[in-house]
């Protein structure tokens, strides 16, 4: 291991990492994910990722593994492994299209729908705890700000009309 040249160390140490918006967003996401995971593991017996997949399928936002991979920003093989586990638990089934055998849709079982229906309460409980002490107007401002960040990050906003509503230009 080599010593960092003083010039580079000075540059690195000037950056206020703990005050970086990216760092703070990542920490909030991690804290929320961990809190949701604690709930889903203890209440549902599955991980938060597995539970949110059930939720996304249950709401109709996603219908196939490619949709899930896009939503989570993970590769198709990781989604396949998650789907395999959920299928093994009897929470979803793969349904091959009769028109095109290459197309495989995902369908929740009754038990899968039951678990998906429990997710909003878990999401709300975690958010209520994390946003304790925030005024409703602060929560609305945070929501609008996060939507704007997502719109700026995704030039393909056409795929996310709920996030990038043109009337939301505050």
N, C-alpha and C. Protein backbone atom coordinates (compact mmCIF):
# COMPACT_ATOMS: atom_id res chain seq x y z
N UNK A 1 0.84 -1.18 0.00
CA UNK A 1 0.00 0.00 0.00
C UNK A 1 0.89 1.24 0.00
N UNK A 2 0.54 2.21 -0.82
CA UNK A 2 1.35 3.42 -0.91
C UNK A 2 0.69 4.55 -0.12
N UNK A 3 1.53 5.48 0.30
CA UNK A 3 1.00 6.65 1.00
C UNK A 3 0.36 7.59 -0.01
N UNK A 4 -0.70 8.23 0.44
CA UNK A 4 -1.39 9.19 -0.42
C UNK A 4 -0.56 10.48 -0.48
N UNK A 5 -0.28 10.95 -1.67
CA UNK A 5 0.46 12.21 -1.78
C UNK A 5 -0.32 13.34 -1.08
N UNK A 6 0.36 14.22 -0.38
CA UNK A 6 -0.32 15.29 0.39
C UNK A 6 -1.31 16.10 -0.45
N UNK A 7 -0.98 16.39 -1.70
CA UNK A 7 -1.86 17.17 -2.57
C UNK A 7 -3.20 16.45 -2.76
N UNK A 8 -3.14 15.14 -3.00
CA UNK A 8 -4.37 14.36 -3.19
C UNK A 8 -5.13 14.20 -1.88
N UNK A 9 -4.40 13.99 -0.78
CA UNK A 9 -5.05 13.87 0.51
C UNK A 9 -5.82 15.14 0.83
N UNK A 10 -5.23 16.31 0.54
CA UNK A 10 -5.91 17.58 0.78
C UNK A 10 -7.19 17.68 -0.03
N UNK A 11 -7.12 17.27 -1.30
CA UNK A 11 -8.32 17.31 -2.16
C UNK A 11 -9.41 16.39 -1.63
N UNK A 12 -9.01 15.18 -1.26
CA UNK A 12 -9.98 14.20 -0.75
C UNK A 12 -10.59 14.68 0.55
N UNK A 13 -9.77 15.18 1.45
CA UNK A 13 -10.26 15.55 2.78
C UNK A 13 -11.13 16.81 2.75
N UNK A 14 -11.06 17.62 1.69
CA UNK A 14 -11.91 18.81 1.58
C UNK A 14 -13.37 18.45 1.33
N UNK A 15 -13.59 17.30 0.72
CA UNK A 15 -14.95 16.90 0.36
C UNK A 15 -15.71 16.52 1.63
N UNK A 16 -16.83 17.14 1.85
CA UNK A 16 -17.65 16.89 3.04
C UNK A 16 -18.60 15.72 2.77
N UNK A 17 -18.06 14.52 2.85
CA UNK A 17 -18.80 13.30 2.51
C UNK A 17 -20.08 13.16 3.33
N UNK A 18 -20.00 13.39 4.64
CA UNK A 18 -21.17 13.23 5.51
C UNK A 18 -22.28 14.21 5.19
N UNK A 19 -21.96 15.27 4.45
CA UNK A 19 -22.96 16.28 4.10
C UNK A 19 -23.37 16.17 2.63
N UNK A 20 -22.88 15.17 1.94
CA UNK A 20 -23.18 14.96 0.53
C UNK A 20 -24.64 14.48 0.37
N UNK A 21 -25.37 15.08 -0.54
CA UNK A 21 -26.75 14.68 -0.77
C UNK A 21 -26.82 13.22 -1.20
N UNK A 22 -25.90 12.80 -2.05
CA UNK A 22 -25.88 11.41 -2.49
C UNK A 22 -25.66 10.45 -1.33
N UNK A 23 -24.72 10.79 -0.47
CA UNK A 23 -24.45 9.96 0.71
C UNK A 23 -25.67 9.91 1.62
N UNK A 24 -26.30 11.06 1.86
CA UNK A 24 -27.47 11.11 2.73
C UNK A 24 -28.63 10.32 2.14
N UNK A 25 -28.85 10.44 0.84
CA UNK A 25 -29.91 9.66 0.19
C UNK A 25 -29.64 8.16 0.33
N UNK A 26 -28.40 7.77 0.13
CA UNK A 26 -28.04 6.35 0.24
C UNK A 26 -28.24 5.85 1.67
N UNK A 27 -27.89 6.66 2.65
CA UNK A 27 -28.08 6.25 4.05
C UNK A 27 -29.56 6.14 4.40
N UNK A 28 -30.37 7.09 3.91
CA UNK A 28 -31.82 7.03 4.17
C UNK A 28 -32.40 5.78 3.52
N UNK A 29 -32.02 5.51 2.28
CA UNK A 29 -32.51 4.31 1.58
C UNK A 29 -32.12 3.05 2.34
N UNK A 30 -30.90 3.00 2.81
CA UNK A 30 -30.43 1.84 3.55
C UNK A 30 -31.20 1.68 4.87
N UNK A 31 -31.40 2.77 5.58
CA UNK A 31 -32.14 2.71 6.85
C UNK A 31 -33.58 2.27 6.63
N UNK A 32 -34.21 2.79 5.58
CA UNK A 32 -35.59 2.40 5.27
C UNK A 32 -35.65 0.93 4.88
N UNK A 33 -34.74 0.51 4.05
CA UNK A 33 -34.70 -0.87 3.60
C UNK A 33 -34.50 -1.82 4.77
N UNK A 34 -33.59 -1.46 5.66
CA UNK A 34 -33.35 -2.31 6.83
C UNK A 34 -34.58 -2.38 7.74
N UNK A 35 -35.25 -1.26 7.94
CA UNK A 35 -36.45 -1.24 8.78
C UNK A 35 -37.57 -2.08 8.16
N UNK A 36 -37.78 -1.92 6.85
CA UNK A 36 -38.80 -2.72 6.17
C UNK A 36 -38.43 -4.20 6.24
N UNK A 37 -37.14 -4.49 6.05
CA UNK A 37 -36.69 -5.88 6.10
C UNK A 37 -36.95 -6.52 7.46
N UNK A 38 -36.71 -5.78 8.52
CA UNK A 38 -36.99 -6.30 9.87
C UNK A 38 -38.46 -6.67 10.01
N UNK A 39 -39.33 -5.81 9.49
CA UNK A 39 -40.77 -6.08 9.57
C UNK A 39 -41.16 -7.29 8.72
N UNK A 40 -40.69 -7.32 7.48
CA UNK A 40 -41.11 -8.41 6.60
C UNK A 40 -40.57 -9.76 7.08
N UNK A 41 -39.35 -9.76 7.59
CA UNK A 41 -38.80 -11.02 8.09
C UNK A 41 -39.59 -11.52 9.30
N UNK A 42 -39.90 -10.61 10.22
CA UNK A 42 -40.59 -11.05 11.44
C UNK A 42 -42.08 -11.30 11.22
N UNK A 43 -42.71 -10.50 10.34
CA UNK A 43 -44.16 -10.60 10.16
C UNK A 43 -44.57 -11.52 9.00
N UNK A 44 -43.73 -11.58 7.96
CA UNK A 44 -44.11 -12.32 6.75
C UNK A 44 -43.20 -13.52 6.48
N UNK A 45 -42.03 -13.54 7.08
CA UNK A 45 -41.10 -14.64 6.88
C UNK A 45 -40.34 -14.59 5.56
N UNK A 46 -40.32 -13.42 4.93
CA UNK A 46 -39.57 -13.23 3.68
C UNK A 46 -38.83 -11.91 3.75
N UNK A 47 -37.85 -11.73 2.87
CA UNK A 47 -37.07 -10.50 2.85
C UNK A 47 -37.90 -9.34 2.31
N UNK A 48 -37.42 -8.14 2.57
CA UNK A 48 -38.13 -6.95 2.05
C UNK A 48 -38.12 -6.93 0.53
N UNK A 49 -37.05 -7.40 -0.08
CA UNK A 49 -37.00 -7.44 -1.55
C UNK A 49 -38.04 -8.41 -2.08
N UNK A 50 -38.13 -9.59 -1.48
CA UNK A 50 -39.14 -10.56 -1.90
C UNK A 50 -40.55 -9.99 -1.69
N UNK A 51 -40.76 -9.35 -0.55
CA UNK A 51 -42.08 -8.77 -0.26
C UNK A 51 -42.42 -7.65 -1.22
N UNK A 52 -41.45 -6.81 -1.55
CA UNK A 52 -41.75 -5.71 -2.47
C UNK A 52 -41.99 -6.22 -3.89
N UNK A 53 -41.36 -7.34 -4.26
CA UNK A 53 -41.65 -7.95 -5.55
C UNK A 53 -43.10 -8.41 -5.58
N UNK A 54 -43.55 -9.05 -4.51
CA UNK A 54 -44.96 -9.45 -4.43
C UNK A 54 -45.86 -8.23 -4.54
N UNK A 55 -45.48 -7.16 -3.86
CA UNK A 55 -46.28 -5.94 -3.90
C UNK A 55 -46.35 -5.37 -5.31
N UNK A 56 -45.21 -5.28 -5.98
CA UNK A 56 -45.19 -4.73 -7.35
C UNK A 56 -46.01 -5.59 -8.31
N UNK A 57 -45.93 -6.90 -8.15
CA UNK A 57 -46.75 -7.79 -8.98
C UNK A 57 -48.22 -7.63 -8.63
N UNK A 58 -48.52 -7.52 -7.35
CA UNK A 58 -49.90 -7.39 -6.91
C UNK A 58 -50.57 -6.11 -7.37
N UNK A 59 -49.79 -5.03 -7.48
CA UNK A 59 -50.35 -3.76 -7.94
C UNK A 59 -50.46 -3.68 -9.46
N UNK A 60 -49.79 -4.61 -10.14
CA UNK A 60 -49.80 -4.58 -11.60
C UNK A 60 -48.72 -3.70 -12.20
N UNK A 61 -47.89 -3.06 -11.36
CA UNK A 61 -46.80 -2.21 -11.87
C UNK A 61 -45.81 -3.04 -12.67
N UNK A 62 -45.61 -4.28 -12.25
CA UNK A 62 -44.73 -5.20 -12.95
C UNK A 62 -45.50 -6.49 -13.23
N UNK A 63 -45.18 -7.12 -14.36
CA UNK A 63 -45.88 -8.36 -14.72
C UNK A 63 -44.91 -9.47 -15.13
N UNK A 64 -43.66 -9.11 -15.37
CA UNK A 64 -42.67 -10.09 -15.84
C UNK A 64 -41.33 -9.80 -15.18
N UNK A 65 -40.44 -10.77 -15.25
CA UNK A 65 -39.13 -10.61 -14.60
C UNK A 65 -38.35 -9.44 -15.19
N UNK A 66 -38.52 -9.17 -16.48
CA UNK A 66 -37.81 -8.04 -17.09
C UNK A 66 -38.27 -6.72 -16.48
N UNK A 67 -39.55 -6.63 -16.15
CA UNK A 67 -40.08 -5.41 -15.50
C UNK A 67 -39.45 -5.24 -14.12
N UNK A 68 -39.34 -6.35 -13.39
CA UNK A 68 -38.75 -6.30 -12.05
C UNK A 68 -37.27 -5.92 -12.12
N UNK A 69 -36.54 -6.48 -13.07
CA UNK A 69 -35.12 -6.16 -13.22
C UNK A 69 -34.94 -4.68 -13.51
N UNK A 70 -35.79 -4.13 -14.36
CA UNK A 70 -35.73 -2.71 -14.69
C UNK A 70 -36.06 -1.86 -13.46
N UNK A 71 -37.09 -2.24 -12.74
CA UNK A 71 -37.52 -1.48 -11.56
C UNK A 71 -36.44 -1.44 -10.48
N UNK A 72 -35.79 -2.57 -10.25
CA UNK A 72 -34.78 -2.66 -9.21
C UNK A 72 -33.38 -2.30 -9.69
N UNK A 73 -33.19 -2.22 -11.00
CA UNK A 73 -31.87 -1.93 -11.53
C UNK A 73 -30.89 -3.05 -11.26
N UNK A 74 -31.39 -4.30 -11.33
CA UNK A 74 -30.52 -5.45 -11.13
C UNK A 74 -30.61 -6.36 -12.34
N UNK A 75 -29.64 -7.26 -12.45
CA UNK A 75 -29.60 -8.12 -13.64
C UNK A 75 -30.69 -9.20 -13.57
N UNK A 76 -31.02 -9.71 -14.74
CA UNK A 76 -32.11 -10.68 -14.88
C UNK A 76 -31.85 -11.96 -14.09
N UNK A 77 -30.59 -12.37 -13.97
CA UNK A 77 -30.31 -13.60 -13.23
C UNK A 77 -30.62 -13.44 -11.75
N UNK A 78 -30.38 -12.26 -11.19
CA UNK A 78 -30.72 -12.01 -9.78
C UNK A 78 -32.24 -12.06 -9.58
N UNK A 79 -32.97 -11.49 -10.53
CA UNK A 79 -34.44 -11.53 -10.46
C UNK A 79 -34.92 -12.97 -10.57
N UNK A 80 -34.32 -13.74 -11.45
CA UNK A 80 -34.70 -15.14 -11.61
C UNK A 80 -34.54 -15.90 -10.30
N UNK A 81 -33.44 -15.66 -9.61
CA UNK A 81 -33.22 -16.33 -8.32
C UNK A 81 -34.28 -15.92 -7.30
N UNK A 82 -34.63 -14.64 -7.27
CA UNK A 82 -35.68 -14.17 -6.35
C UNK A 82 -37.03 -14.80 -6.69
N UNK A 83 -37.33 -14.87 -7.97
CA UNK A 83 -38.59 -15.48 -8.41
C UNK A 83 -38.61 -16.97 -8.07
N UNK A 84 -37.48 -17.63 -8.26
CA UNK A 84 -37.39 -19.05 -7.91
C UNK A 84 -37.75 -19.27 -6.44
N UNK A 85 -37.20 -18.42 -5.56
CA UNK A 85 -37.48 -18.56 -4.12
C UNK A 85 -38.96 -18.32 -3.82
N UNK A 86 -39.52 -17.29 -4.44
CA UNK A 86 -40.94 -16.98 -4.20
C UNK A 86 -41.84 -18.09 -4.74
N UNK A 87 -41.46 -18.65 -5.86
CA UNK A 87 -42.23 -19.75 -6.43
C UNK A 87 -42.14 -20.98 -5.52
N UNK A 88 -40.95 -21.23 -4.99
CA UNK A 88 -40.74 -22.37 -4.09
C UNK A 88 -41.60 -22.23 -2.82
N UNK A 89 -41.78 -20.98 -2.37
CA UNK A 89 -42.62 -20.70 -1.19
C UNK A 89 -44.12 -20.74 -1.53
N UNK A 90 -44.44 -20.92 -2.81
CA UNK A 90 -45.84 -20.96 -3.21
C UNK A 90 -46.51 -19.60 -3.25
N UNK A 91 -45.70 -18.54 -3.46
CA UNK A 91 -46.24 -17.18 -3.43
C UNK A 91 -46.51 -16.62 -4.83
N UNK A 92 -45.91 -17.22 -5.84
CA UNK A 92 -46.18 -16.81 -7.21
C UNK A 92 -45.98 -17.99 -8.14
N UNK A 93 -46.46 -17.80 -9.35
CA UNK A 93 -46.31 -18.84 -10.38
C UNK A 93 -45.90 -18.18 -11.69
N UNK A 94 -45.15 -18.92 -12.47
CA UNK A 94 -44.80 -18.46 -13.82
C UNK A 94 -45.88 -18.98 -14.77
N UNK A 95 -46.40 -18.10 -15.60
CA UNK A 95 -47.44 -18.45 -16.56
C UNK A 95 -46.91 -18.18 -17.96
N UNK A 96 -46.73 -19.23 -18.73
CA UNK A 96 -46.23 -19.09 -20.10
C UNK A 96 -47.36 -18.65 -21.02
N UNK A 97 -47.08 -17.67 -21.85
CA UNK A 97 -48.07 -17.15 -22.78
C UNK A 97 -48.44 -18.22 -23.82
N UNK A 98 -49.72 -18.31 -24.12
CA UNK A 98 -50.17 -19.26 -25.14
C UNK A 98 -49.87 -18.74 -26.54
N UNK A 99 -49.83 -17.42 -26.68
CA UNK A 99 -49.55 -16.80 -27.98
C UNK A 99 -48.06 -16.85 -28.34
N UNK A 100 -47.22 -16.64 -27.32
CA UNK A 100 -45.78 -16.61 -27.55
C UNK A 100 -45.10 -17.34 -26.40
N UNK A 101 -44.64 -18.54 -26.62
CA UNK A 101 -44.10 -19.39 -25.56
C UNK A 101 -42.84 -18.79 -24.91
N UNK A 102 -42.22 -17.82 -25.57
CA UNK A 102 -41.04 -17.17 -24.98
C UNK A 102 -41.42 -16.21 -23.87
N UNK A 103 -42.67 -15.75 -23.86
CA UNK A 103 -43.14 -14.77 -22.88
C UNK A 103 -43.64 -15.51 -21.64
N UNK A 104 -43.10 -15.11 -20.48
CA UNK A 104 -43.51 -15.70 -19.21
C UNK A 104 -43.96 -14.57 -18.29
N UNK A 105 -45.22 -14.62 -17.92
CA UNK A 105 -45.78 -13.65 -16.98
C UNK A 105 -45.71 -14.24 -15.58
N UNK A 106 -45.72 -13.37 -14.60
CA UNK A 106 -45.70 -13.79 -13.21
C UNK A 106 -47.05 -13.50 -12.59
N UNK A 107 -47.58 -14.46 -11.87
CA UNK A 107 -48.88 -14.30 -11.23
C UNK A 107 -48.78 -14.70 -9.76
N UNK A 108 -49.35 -13.88 -8.90
CA UNK A 108 -49.35 -14.19 -7.48
C UNK A 108 -50.36 -15.28 -7.18
N UNK A 109 -50.03 -16.10 -6.21
CA UNK A 109 -50.99 -17.06 -5.69
C UNK A 109 -51.85 -16.33 -4.65
N UNK A 110 -52.84 -17.00 -4.12
CA UNK A 110 -53.68 -16.39 -3.08
C UNK A 110 -52.81 -15.99 -1.89
N UNK A 111 -51.87 -16.84 -1.50
CA UNK A 111 -50.98 -16.52 -0.38
C UNK A 111 -50.07 -15.33 -0.73
N UNK A 112 -49.64 -15.26 -1.98
CA UNK A 112 -48.82 -14.13 -2.43
C UNK A 112 -49.58 -12.83 -2.36
N UNK A 113 -50.85 -12.85 -2.78
CA UNK A 113 -51.69 -11.65 -2.68
C UNK A 113 -51.89 -11.25 -1.22
N UNK A 114 -52.06 -12.24 -0.35
CA UNK A 114 -52.24 -11.96 1.07
C UNK A 114 -51.04 -11.21 1.63
N UNK A 115 -49.83 -11.68 1.30
CA UNK A 115 -48.62 -11.00 1.79
C UNK A 115 -48.47 -9.63 1.15
N UNK A 116 -48.75 -9.53 -0.14
CA UNK A 116 -48.64 -8.23 -0.83
C UNK A 116 -49.58 -7.20 -0.21
N UNK A 117 -50.76 -7.64 0.19
CA UNK A 117 -51.75 -6.74 0.78
C UNK A 117 -51.31 -6.22 2.14
N UNK A 118 -50.37 -6.89 2.77
CA UNK A 118 -49.88 -6.47 4.08
C UNK A 118 -48.74 -5.45 3.97
N UNK A 119 -48.21 -5.28 2.78
CA UNK A 119 -47.07 -4.38 2.60
C UNK A 119 -47.37 -2.90 2.84
N UNK A 120 -48.51 -2.36 2.38
CA UNK A 120 -48.76 -0.94 2.65
C UNK A 120 -48.70 -0.58 4.14
N UNK A 121 -49.21 -1.43 4.99
CA UNK A 121 -49.15 -1.17 6.44
C UNK A 121 -47.70 -1.13 6.93
N UNK A 122 -46.88 -2.04 6.41
CA UNK A 122 -45.46 -2.06 6.79
C UNK A 122 -44.77 -0.80 6.27
N UNK A 123 -44.99 -0.47 5.00
CA UNK A 123 -44.40 0.75 4.43
C UNK A 123 -44.80 1.97 5.26
N UNK A 124 -46.08 2.08 5.57
CA UNK A 124 -46.58 3.25 6.31
C UNK A 124 -45.99 3.30 7.72
N UNK A 125 -45.88 2.17 8.38
CA UNK A 125 -45.32 2.15 9.73
C UNK A 125 -43.86 2.63 9.73
N UNK A 126 -43.09 2.14 8.77
CA UNK A 126 -41.68 2.55 8.67
C UNK A 126 -41.59 4.04 8.35
N UNK A 127 -42.37 4.49 7.39
CA UNK A 127 -42.33 5.91 7.03
C UNK A 127 -42.79 6.80 8.18
N UNK A 128 -43.85 6.39 8.87
CA UNK A 128 -44.33 7.19 10.00
C UNK A 128 -43.23 7.35 11.05
N UNK A 129 -42.49 6.30 11.30
CA UNK A 129 -41.40 6.35 12.27
C UNK A 129 -40.27 7.27 11.77
N UNK A 130 -39.93 7.13 10.50
CA UNK A 130 -38.81 7.90 9.96
C UNK A 130 -39.16 9.38 9.76
N UNK A 131 -40.43 9.66 9.55
CA UNK A 131 -40.85 11.05 9.31
C UNK A 131 -41.50 11.67 10.55
N UNK A 132 -41.29 11.03 11.70
CA UNK A 132 -41.84 11.55 12.95
C UNK A 132 -41.32 12.97 13.18
N UNK A 133 -42.23 13.87 13.50
CA UNK A 133 -41.84 15.25 13.76
C UNK A 133 -41.86 16.14 12.52
N UNK A 134 -42.07 15.55 11.35
CA UNK A 134 -42.16 16.34 10.12
C UNK A 134 -43.58 16.86 9.97
N UNK A 135 -43.71 18.11 9.57
CA UNK A 135 -45.03 18.67 9.27
C UNK A 135 -45.48 18.12 7.91
N UNK A 136 -46.80 18.00 7.69
CA UNK A 136 -47.28 17.51 6.39
C UNK A 136 -46.70 18.28 5.20
N UNK A 137 -46.53 19.58 5.35
CA UNK A 137 -45.97 20.37 4.25
C UNK A 137 -44.51 19.98 3.99
N UNK A 138 -43.78 19.61 5.03
CA UNK A 138 -42.39 19.15 4.84
C UNK A 138 -42.35 17.82 4.10
N UNK A 139 -43.28 16.94 4.42
CA UNK A 139 -43.35 15.65 3.73
C UNK A 139 -43.69 15.87 2.26
N UNK A 140 -44.64 16.76 1.99
CA UNK A 140 -44.99 17.06 0.59
C UNK A 140 -43.80 17.65 -0.16
N UNK A 141 -43.07 18.55 0.48
CA UNK A 141 -41.89 19.15 -0.15
C UNK A 141 -40.84 18.07 -0.43
N UNK A 142 -40.62 17.18 0.52
CA UNK A 142 -39.67 16.09 0.33
C UNK A 142 -40.08 15.21 -0.84
N UNK A 143 -41.35 14.86 -0.89
CA UNK A 143 -41.87 14.02 -1.99
C UNK A 143 -41.66 14.70 -3.34
N UNK A 144 -41.98 15.99 -3.43
CA UNK A 144 -41.81 16.72 -4.69
C UNK A 144 -40.34 16.82 -5.08
N UNK A 145 -39.48 17.04 -4.08
CA UNK A 145 -38.05 17.13 -4.34
C UNK A 145 -37.51 15.81 -4.86
N UNK A 146 -37.90 14.72 -4.23
CA UNK A 146 -37.44 13.40 -4.67
C UNK A 146 -37.93 13.09 -6.08
N UNK A 147 -39.17 13.48 -6.39
CA UNK A 147 -39.68 13.27 -7.76
C UNK A 147 -38.86 14.05 -8.77
N UNK A 148 -38.50 15.27 -8.43
CA UNK A 148 -37.69 16.08 -9.34
C UNK A 148 -36.32 15.46 -9.55
N UNK A 149 -35.73 14.94 -8.48
CA UNK A 149 -34.43 14.28 -8.60
C UNK A 149 -34.55 13.07 -9.53
N UNK A 150 -35.60 12.28 -9.35
CA UNK A 150 -35.79 11.11 -10.21
C UNK A 150 -36.00 11.53 -11.67
N UNK A 151 -36.75 12.59 -11.88
CA UNK A 151 -36.95 13.06 -13.26
C UNK A 151 -35.63 13.52 -13.88
N UNK A 152 -34.83 14.21 -13.11
CA UNK A 152 -33.53 14.65 -13.62
C UNK A 152 -32.62 13.46 -13.91
N UNK A 153 -32.75 12.42 -13.11
CA UNK A 153 -31.90 11.24 -13.27
C UNK A 153 -32.33 10.36 -14.44
N UNK A 154 -33.59 10.48 -14.82
CA UNK A 154 -34.12 9.58 -15.84
C UNK A 154 -34.66 10.39 -17.01
N UNK A 155 -33.87 10.50 -18.06
CA UNK A 155 -34.32 11.22 -19.25
C UNK A 155 -35.48 10.51 -19.93
N UNK A 156 -35.72 9.28 -19.54
CA UNK A 156 -36.81 8.49 -20.11
C UNK A 156 -38.06 8.63 -19.25
N UNK A 157 -38.35 9.84 -18.80
CA UNK A 157 -39.45 10.09 -17.87
C UNK A 157 -40.80 9.64 -18.42
N UNK A 158 -40.87 9.41 -19.71
CA UNK A 158 -42.12 8.93 -20.32
C UNK A 158 -42.54 7.62 -19.68
N UNK A 159 -41.55 6.81 -19.25
CA UNK A 159 -41.84 5.53 -18.62
C UNK A 159 -42.34 5.67 -17.19
N UNK A 160 -42.24 6.89 -16.63
CA UNK A 160 -42.65 7.10 -15.25
C UNK A 160 -43.55 8.32 -15.13
N UNK A 161 -44.73 8.31 -15.74
CA UNK A 161 -45.56 9.50 -15.73
C UNK A 161 -46.00 9.93 -14.34
N UNK A 162 -46.12 9.01 -13.40
CA UNK A 162 -46.54 9.39 -12.05
C UNK A 162 -45.46 10.17 -11.32
N UNK A 163 -44.20 9.91 -11.65
CA UNK A 163 -43.11 10.61 -10.99
C UNK A 163 -42.87 11.97 -11.62
N UNK A 164 -43.08 12.08 -12.91
CA UNK A 164 -42.71 13.28 -13.64
C UNK A 164 -43.90 14.02 -14.18
N UNK A 165 -44.88 14.24 -13.33
CA UNK A 165 -46.08 14.96 -13.71
C UNK A 165 -45.71 16.41 -13.99
N UNK A 166 -46.01 16.90 -15.19
CA UNK A 166 -45.63 18.26 -15.57
C UNK A 166 -46.29 19.32 -14.69
N UNK A 167 -47.41 19.01 -14.06
CA UNK A 167 -48.05 19.98 -13.20
C UNK A 167 -47.32 20.14 -11.88
N UNK A 168 -46.36 19.26 -11.61
CA UNK A 168 -45.60 19.28 -10.36
C UNK A 168 -44.27 19.98 -10.60
N UNK A 169 -44.29 21.28 -10.85
CA UNK A 169 -43.07 22.00 -11.15
C UNK A 169 -42.67 22.95 -10.03
N UNK A 170 -42.89 22.51 -8.80
CA UNK A 170 -42.46 23.35 -7.67
C UNK A 170 -41.03 23.08 -7.33
